Structure formats: C-alpha cells, structure tokens
PDB file of N, CA and C in Angstrom:
ATOM      1  N   MET A   1       0.952  -1.248  -0.135  1.00  0.00           N
ATOM      2  CA  MET A   1       0.081  -0.027   0.011  1.00  0.00           C
ATOM      3  C   MET A   1       0.779   1.107   0.035  1.00  0.00           C
ATOM      4  N   THR A   2       0.500   2.139  -0.982  1.00  0.00           N
ATOM      5  CA  THR A   2       1.285   3.439  -0.835  1.00  0.00           C
ATOM      6  C   THR A   2       0.761   4.520  -0.077  1.00  0.00           C
ATOM      7  N   THR A   3       1.326   5.135   0.760  1.00  0.00           N
ATOM      8  CA  THR A   3       0.720   6.377   1.359  1.00  0.00           C
ATOM      9  C   THR A   3       1.120   7.710   0.630  1.00  0.00           C
ATOM     10  N   ILE A   4       0.155   8.454   0.513  1.00  0.00           N
ATOM     11  CA  ILE A   4       0.425   9.741  -0.322  1.00  0.00           C
ATOM     12  C   ILE A   4       0.256  10.783   0.840  1.00  0.00           C
ATOM     13  N   ILE A   5       1.224  11.587   0.882  1.00  0.00           N
ATOM     14  CA  ILE A   5       1.321  12.705   1.744  1.00  0.00           C
ATOM     15  C   ILE A   5       1.312  13.884   1.021  1.00  0.00           C
ATOM     16  N   THR A   6       0.382  14.846   1.506  1.00  0.00           N
ATOM     17  CA  THR A   6       0.154  15.999   0.654  1.00  0.00           C
ATOM     18  C   THR A   6       0.860  17.224   1.409  1.00  0.00           C
ATOM     19  N   PRO A   7       0.873  18.251   0.596  1.00  0.00           N
ATOM     20  CA  PRO A   7       1.635  19.444   1.108  1.00  0.00           C
ATOM     21  C   PRO A   7       0.966  19.759   2.676  1.00  0.00           C
ATOM     22  N   ASP A   8      -0.547  19.585   2.460  1.00  0.00           N
ATOM     23  CA  ASP A   8      -1.408  20.029   3.767  1.00  0.00           C
ATOM     24  C   ASP A   8      -0.998  19.257   4.930  1.00  0.00           C
ATOM     25  N   ASP A   9      -0.706  17.822   4.619  1.00  0.00           N
ATOM     26  CA  ASP A   9      -0.102  17.036   5.739  1.00  0.00           C
ATOM     27  C   ASP A   9       1.197  17.409   6.299  1.00  0.00           C
ATOM     28  N   LEU A  10       1.989  18.089   5.314  1.00  0.00           N
ATOM     29  CA  LEU A  10       3.337  18.613   5.775  1.00  0.00           C
ATOM     30  C   LEU A  10       2.956  19.613   6.497  1.00  0.00           C
ATOM     31  N   VAL A  11       2.017  20.698   6.450  1.00  0.00           N
ATOM     32  CA  VAL A  11       1.882  21.700   7.033  1.00  0.00           C
ATOM     33  C   VAL A  11       1.548  21.490   8.383  1.00  0.00           C
ATOM     34  N   ARG A  12       0.675  20.449   8.349  1.00  0.00           N
ATOM     35  CA  ARG A  12      -0.070  19.861   9.671  1.00  0.00           C
ATOM     36  C   ARG A  12       0.987  19.305  10.546  1.00  0.00           C
ATOM     37  N   PHE A  13       1.960  18.533  10.053  1.00  0.00           N
ATOM     38  CA  PHE A  13       2.998  17.861  10.742  1.00  0.00           C
ATOM     39  C   PHE A  13       3.905  18.887  11.387  1.00  0.00           C
ATOM     40  N   VAL A  14       4.218  20.029  10.466  1.00  0.00           N
ATOM     41  CA  VAL A  14       5.225  21.350  11.040  1.00  0.00           C
ATOM     42  C   VAL A  14       4.435  21.742  12.329  1.00  0.00           C
ATOM     43  N   TYR A  15       3.154  21.996  12.471  1.00  0.00           N
ATOM     44  CA  TYR A  15       2.401  22.711  13.570  1.00  0.00           C
ATOM     45  C   TYR A  15       1.986  21.527  14.500  1.00  0.00           C
ATOM     46  N   GLY A  16       2.411  20.378  14.313  1.00  0.00           N
ATOM     47  CA  GLY A  16       1.919  19.413  15.283  1.00  0.00           C
ATOM     48  C   GLY A  16       0.624  19.028  15.404  1.00  0.00           C
ATOM     49  N   GLU A  17      -0.202  19.062  14.284  1.00  0.00           N
ATOM     50  CA  GLU A  17      -1.575  18.757  14.027  1.00  0.00           C
ATOM     51  C   GLU A  17      -1.833  17.487  13.297  1.00  0.00           C
ATOM     52  N   CYS A  18      -0.949  16.524  13.527  1.00  0.00           N
ATOM     53  CA  CYS A  18      -1.145  15.179  12.946  1.00  0.00           C
ATOM     54  C   CYS A  18      -1.414  13.928  13.898  1.00  0.00           C
ATOM     55  N   SER A  19      -1.990  12.944  13.742  1.00  0.00           N
ATOM     56  CA  SER A  19      -2.141  12.113  14.550  1.00  0.00           C
ATOM     57  C   SER A  19      -0.714  11.304  14.686  1.00  0.00           C
ATOM     58  N   GLU A  20      -0.683  10.579  15.506  1.00  0.00           N
ATOM     59  CA  GLU A  20       0.497   9.885  16.056  1.00  0.00           C
ATOM     60  C   GLU A  20       0.953   9.044  14.578  1.00  0.00           C
ATOM     61  N   THR A  21       0.042   8.209  14.131  1.00  0.00           N
ATOM     62  CA  THR A  21       0.276   7.292  12.858  1.00  0.00           C
ATOM     63  C   THR A  21       0.714   8.404  11.881  1.00  0.00           C
ATOM     64  N   GLU A  22       0.217   9.520  11.553  1.00  0.00           N
ATOM     65  CA  GLU A  22       0.769  10.403  10.523  1.00  0.00           C
ATOM     66  C   GLU A  22       2.084  10.664  10.757  1.00  0.00           C
ATOM     67  N   LYS A  23       2.355  11.210  12.087  1.00  0.00           N
ATOM     68  CA  LYS A  23       3.697  11.811  12.454  1.00  0.00           C
ATOM     69  C   LYS A  23       4.912  10.570  12.206  1.00  0.00           C
ATOM     70  N   GLN A  24       4.433   9.517  12.474  1.00  0.00           N
ATOM     71  CA  GLN A  24       5.467   8.203  12.247  1.00  0.00           C
ATOM     72  C   GLN A  24       5.673   8.046  10.682  1.00  0.00           C
ATOM     73  N   THR A  25       4.621   8.303  10.031  1.00  0.00           N
ATOM     74  CA  THR A  25       4.482   7.977   8.391  1.00  0.00           C
ATOM     75  C   THR A  25       5.377   9.115   7.886  1.00  0.00           C
ATOM     76  N   ILE A  26       5.264  10.324   8.225  1.00  0.00           N
ATOM     77  CA  ILE A  26       5.811  11.466   7.754  1.00  0.00           C
ATOM     78  C   ILE A  26       7.509  11.419   8.076  1.00  0.00           C
ATOM     79  N   GLN A  27       7.697  11.105   9.294  1.00  0.00           N
ATOM     80  CA  GLN A  27       8.954  10.992   9.916  1.00  0.00           C
ATOM     81  C   GLN A  27       9.819  10.025   9.102  1.00  0.00           C
ATOM     82  N   VAL A  28       9.243   8.774   8.606  1.00  0.00           N
ATOM     83  CA  VAL A  28       9.938   7.823   7.990  1.00  0.00           C
ATOM     84  C   VAL A  28      10.107   8.517   6.650  1.00  0.00           C
ATOM     85  N   ILE A  29       9.239   9.175   6.029  1.00  0.00           N
ATOM     86  CA  ILE A  29       9.680   9.769   4.776  1.00  0.00           C
ATOM     87  C   ILE A  29      10.673  10.670   4.721  1.00  0.00           C
ATOM     88  N   LEU A  30      10.626  11.647   5.809  1.00  0.00           N
ATOM     89  CA  LEU A  30      11.692  12.530   5.957  1.00  0.00           C
ATOM     90  C   LEU A  30      13.071  11.880   6.088  1.00  0.00           C
ATOM     91  N   ASP A  31      13.081  10.832   6.835  1.00  0.00           N
ATOM     92  CA  ASP A  31      14.301  10.020   6.972  1.00  0.00           C
ATOM     93  C   ASP A  31      14.788   9.396   5.657  1.00  0.00           C
ATOM     94  N   THR A  32      13.937   9.230   4.792  1.00  0.00           N
ATOM     95  CA  THR A  32      14.381   8.234   3.504  1.00  0.00           C
ATOM     96  C   THR A  32      14.247   8.819   2.347  1.00  0.00           C
ATOM     97  N   ASP A  33      13.471  10.267   2.139  1.00  0.00           N
ATOM     98  CA  ASP A  33      13.379  10.674   0.978  1.00  0.00           C
ATOM     99  C   ASP A  33      13.950  12.266   0.646  1.00  0.00           C
ATOM    100  N   GLU A  34      15.048  12.389   0.159  1.00  0.00           N
ATOM    101  CA  GLU A  34      15.754  13.641   0.198  1.00  0.00           C
ATOM    102  C   GLU A  34      14.715  14.728  -0.380  1.00  0.00           C
ATOM    103  N   ALA A  35      14.034  14.773  -1.527  1.00  0.00           N
ATOM    104  CA  ALA A  35      13.371  15.526  -2.138  1.00  0.00           C
ATOM    105  C   ALA A  35      12.051  16.032  -1.202  1.00  0.00           C
ATOM    106  N   PHE A  36      11.582  15.132  -0.375  1.00  0.00           N
ATOM    107  CA  PHE A  36      10.649  15.558   0.759  1.00  0.00           C
ATOM    108  C   PHE A  36      11.139  16.156   1.754  1.00  0.00           C
ATOM    109  N   ARG A  37      12.282  15.825   2.179  1.00  0.00           N
ATOM    110  CA  ARG A  37      13.066  16.521   2.982  1.00  0.00           C
ATOM    111  C   ARG A  37      13.335  18.010   2.852  1.00  0.00           C
ATOM    112  N   LYS A  38      13.754  18.105   1.561  1.00  0.00           N
ATOM    113  CA  LYS A  38      14.018  19.561   0.997  1.00  0.00           C
ATOM    114  C   LYS A  38      12.426  20.301   1.202  1.00  0.00           C
ATOM    115  N   GLN A  39      11.396  19.713   0.924  1.00  0.00           N
ATOM    116  CA  GLN A  39      10.312  20.518   0.943  1.00  0.00           C
ATOM    117  C   GLN A  39       9.979  20.867   2.357  1.00  0.00           C
ATOM    118  N   TYR A  40      10.379  19.904   3.237  1.00  0.00           N
ATOM    119  CA  TYR A  40      10.148  20.196   4.739  1.00  0.00           C
ATOM    120  C   TYR A  40      11.014  21.390   5.102  1.00  0.00           C
ATOM    121  N   GLN A  41      12.532  21.452   4.638  1.00  0.00           N
ATOM    122  CA  GLN A  41      13.130  22.348   5.037  1.00  0.00           C
ATOM    123  C   GLN A  41      12.684  23.708   4.654  1.00  0.00           C
ATOM    124  N   ASP A  42      12.313  23.934   3.086  1.00  0.00           N
ATOM    125  CA  ASP A  42      11.787  25.043   2.745  1.00  0.00           C
ATOM    126  C   ASP A  42      10.623  25.720   3.355  1.00  0.00           C
ATOM    127  N   LEU A  43       9.606  24.478   3.753  1.00  0.00           N
ATOM    128  CA  LEU A  43       8.446  24.959   4.604  1.00  0.00           C
ATOM    129  C   LEU A  43       8.845  25.616   6.087  1.00  0.00           C
ATOM    130  N   GLN A  44      10.042  24.926   6.508  1.00  0.00           N
ATOM    131  CA  GLN A  44      10.500  25.445   7.843  1.00  0.00           C
ATOM    132  C   GLN A  44      11.120  26.853   7.669  1.00  0.00           C
ATOM    133  N   ASN A  45      11.812  27.016   6.613  1.00  0.00           N
ATOM    134  CA  ASN A  45      12.441  28.415   6.288  1.00  0.00           C
ATOM    135  C   ASN A  45      11.381  29.428   5.968  1.00  0.00           C
ATOM    136  N   THR A  46      10.423  29.014   5.455  1.00  0.00           N
ATOM    137  CA  THR A  46       9.326  30.075   5.112  1.00  0.00           C
ATOM    138  C   THR A  46       8.756  30.445   6.241  1.00  0.00           C
ATOM    139  N   ILE A  47       8.232  29.411   7.187  1.00  0.00           N
ATOM    140  CA  ILE A  47       7.468  29.754   8.321  1.00  0.00           C
ATOM    141  C   ILE A  47       8.474  30.822   9.134  1.00  0.00           C
ATOM    142  N   SER A  48       9.668  30.461   9.315  1.00  0.00           N
ATOM    143  CA  SER A  48      10.845  31.046  10.038  1.00  0.00           C
ATOM    144  C   SER A  48      10.853  32.479   9.392  1.00  0.00           C
ATOM    145  N   GLY A  49      10.841  32.615   8.227  1.00  0.00           N
ATOM    146  CA  GLY A  49      10.783  33.947   7.832  1.00  0.00           C
ATOM    147  C   GLY A  49       9.720  34.984   7.867  1.00  0.00           C
ATOM    148  N   ILE A  50       8.507  34.156   8.017  1.00  0.00           N
ATOM    149  CA  ILE A  50       7.205  34.832   8.399  1.00  0.00           C
ATOM    150  C   ILE A  50       7.296  35.369   9.753  1.00  0.00           C
ATOM    151  N   ASN A  51       7.658  34.544  10.639  1.00  0.00           N
ATOM    152  CA  ASN A  51       7.573  34.791  12.108  1.00  0.00           C
ATOM    153  C   ASN A  51       8.770  36.103  12.468  1.00  0.00           C
ATOM    154  N   THR A  52       9.841  35.991  11.845  1.00  0.00           N
ATOM    155  CA  THR A  52      10.485  37.031  12.049  1.00  0.00           C
ATOM    156  C   THR A  52      10.406  38.587  11.362  1.00  0.00           C
ATOM    157  N   SER A  53       9.574  38.252  10.358  1.00  0.00           N
ATOM    158  CA  SER A  53       9.286  39.594   9.477  1.00  0.00           C
ATOM    159  C   SER A  53       8.086  40.203  10.082  1.00  0.00           C
ATOM    160  N   VAL A  54       7.306  39.669  10.943  1.00  0.00           N
ATOM    161  CA  VAL A  54       6.185  40.270  11.560  1.00  0.00           C
ATOM    162  C   VAL A  54       6.494  41.482  12.376  1.00  0.00           C
ATOM    163  N   GLU A  55       5.838  42.731  12.247  1.00  0.00           N
ATOM    164  CA  GLU A  55       6.207  43.787  13.021  1.00  0.00           C
ATOM    165  C   GLU A  55       5.129  44.082  14.005  1.00  0.00           C
ATOM    166  N   ASN A  56       5.437  44.734  14.988  1.00  0.00           N
ATOM    167  CA  ASN A  56       4.205  45.192  15.936  1.00  0.00           C
ATOM    168  C   ASN A  56       4.081  46.550  15.646  1.00  0.00           C
ATOM    169  N   PRO A  57       2.638  47.156  15.785  1.00  0.00           N
ATOM    170  CA  PRO A  57       2.306  48.388  15.486  1.00  0.00           C
ATOM    171  C   PRO A  57       2.996  49.141  16.682  1.00  0.00           C
ATOM    172  N   SER A  58       3.042  50.529  16.233  1.00  0.00           N
ATOM    173  CA  SER A  58       3.692  51.492  17.070  1.00  0.00           C
ATOM    174  C   SER A  58       2.837  51.847  18.040  1.00  0.00           C
ATOM    175  N   GLU A  59       3.349  52.246  19.411  1.00  0.00           N
ATOM    176  CA  GLU A  59       2.425  52.777  20.208  1.00  0.00           C
ATOM    177  C   GLU A  59       1.308  53.726  19.886  1.00  0.00           C
ATOM    178  N   GLN A  60       1.737  54.685  19.042  1.00  0.00           N
ATOM    179  CA  GLN A  60       0.709  55.804  18.682  1.00  0.00           C
ATOM    180  C   GLN A  60      -0.382  55.092  17.815  1.00  0.00           C
ATOM    181  N   VAL A  61      -0.119  54.173  16.791  1.00  0.00           N
ATOM    182  CA  VAL A  61      -1.147  53.282  16.075  1.00  0.00           C
ATOM    183  C   VAL A  61      -2.243  52.821  17.217  1.00  0.00           C
ATOM    184  N   ILE A  62      -1.623  52.053  18.027  1.00  0.00           N
ATOM    185  CA  ILE A  62      -2.554  51.295  18.959  1.00  0.00           C
ATOM    186  C   ILE A  62      -3.203  52.353  20.055  1.00  0.00           C
ATOM    187  N   ALA A  63      -2.599  53.601  20.157  1.00  0.00           N
ATOM    188  CA  ALA A  63      -3.319  54.504  21.016  1.00  0.00           C
ATOM    189  C   ALA A  63      -4.453  55.168  20.139  1.00  0.00           C
ATOM    190  N   LYS A  64      -4.186  55.142  18.761  1.00  0.00           N
ATOM    191  CA  LYS A  64      -5.132  55.782  18.006  1.00  0.00           C
ATOM    192  C   LYS A  64      -6.475  54.742  17.943  1.00  0.00           C
ATOM    193  N   ILE A  65      -6.171  53.747  17.670  1.00  0.00           N
ATOM    194  CA  ILE A  65      -6.943  52.359  17.664  1.00  0.00           C
ATOM    195  C   ILE A  65      -8.084  52.422  18.924  1.00  0.00           C
ATOM    196  N   LEU A  66      -7.414  52.478  20.106  1.00  0.00           N
ATOM    197  CA  LEU A  66      -8.116  52.418  21.363  1.00  0.00           C
ATOM    198  C   LEU A  66      -8.970  53.759  21.396  1.00  0.00           C
ATOM    199  N   ASN A  67      -8.451  54.650  21.218  1.00  0.00           N
ATOM    200  CA  ASN A  67      -9.203  56.032  21.405  1.00  0.00           C
ATOM    201  C   ASN A  67     -10.489  56.014  20.239  1.00  0.00           C
ATOM    202  N   PHE A  68     -10.192  55.436  19.209  1.00  0.00           N
ATOM    203  CA  PHE A  68     -11.513  55.218  18.298  1.00  0.00           C
ATOM    204  C   PHE A  68     -12.511  54.454  18.918  1.00  0.00           C
ATOM    205  N   SER A  69     -12.022  53.301  19.395  1.00  0.00           N
ATOM    206  CA  SER A  69     -12.793  52.462  20.179  1.00  0.00           C
ATOM    207  C   SER A  69     -13.527  53.008  21.311  1.00  0.00           C
ATOM    208  N   ARG A  70     -13.003  53.859  22.152  1.00  0.00           N
ATOM    209  CA  ARG A  70     -13.694  54.490  23.325  1.00  0.00           C
ATOM    210  C   ARG A  70     -14.770  55.346  22.841  1.00  0.00           C
ATOM    211  N   GLU A  71     -14.297  56.074  21.541  1.00  0.00           N
ATOM    212  CA  GLU A  71     -15.382  57.005  21.105  1.00  0.00           C
ATOM    213  C   GLU A  71     -16.583  56.498  20.320  1.00  0.00           C
ATOM    214  N   PHE A  72     -16.472  55.236  19.842  1.00  0.00           N
ATOM    215  CA  PHE A  72     -17.437  54.719  19.146  1.00  0.00           C
ATOM    216  C   PHE A  72     -18.589  54.428  19.697  1.00  0.00           C
ATOM    217  N   ASP A  73     -19.778  54.742  19.495  1.00  0.00           N
ATOM    218  CA  ASP A  73     -21.011  54.706  20.044  1.00  0.00           C
ATOM    219  C   ASP A  73     -21.754  53.522  19.505  1.00  0.00           C
ATOM    220  N   LEU A  74     -21.577  52.402  20.093  1.00  0.00           N
ATOM    221  CA  LEU A  74     -22.307  51.094  19.413  1.00  0.00           C
ATOM    222  C   LEU A  74     -23.872  51.283  19.515  1.00  0.00           C
ATOM    223  N   HIS A  75     -24.602  52.038  20.291  1.00  0.00           N
ATOM    224  CA  HIS A  75     -25.937  52.385  20.158  1.00  0.00           C
ATOM    225  C   HIS A  75     -26.487  53.078  19.048  1.00  0.00           C
ATOM    226  N   SER A  76     -25.674  53.770  18.339  1.00  0.00           N
ATOM    227  CA  SER A  76     -25.962  54.290  17.001  1.00  0.00           C
ATOM    228  C   SER A  76     -26.024  53.560  15.815  1.00  0.00           C
ATOM    229  N   VAL A  77     -25.513  52.413  15.769  1.00  0.00           N
ATOM    230  CA  VAL A  77     -25.345  51.591  14.798  1.00  0.00           C
ATOM    231  C   VAL A  77     -26.589  50.642  14.655  1.00  0.00           C
TER     232      VAL A  77
END
C-alpha cells in the first residue's frame, strides 16, 4: 500500500496537528526521501521568515485604535 502525503499533511506535521500514525509515517519519509526532506526544510524556512518579519504596530497606532474604540457609540449603529 502506498501512502500519499500532501503538502497540507506536511503543514499539519510542522504545526503538530497530525495523529501519531501520521507523524510516524511522515518521519519515515523525511528520513528516507531527500526531495521530501527539502520540501520540509523549505517550509520550515518560510515559516521562520514569516515569524521574523512580523512587526508590531507602534504605540501611536495602538493609541489611535483604542481612542477610536472608546469614542465609537455602539448604540448608534
């Protein structure tokens, strides 16, 4: 029987959302398939890049949002 692992399965694996059986299957493929391991490494690098590129809003922006929220009258909607 051939097991097909999709890119979605790999993403779920990276985020720890797979069943134990899926984890074991993917780990075996990672250990034995160089192309699959490259896909995994590329995904890890992409996620790392996204995580490091996220910026927090400035205090000024946060203050403006909070002030707007305080001034917004929900009863007028």
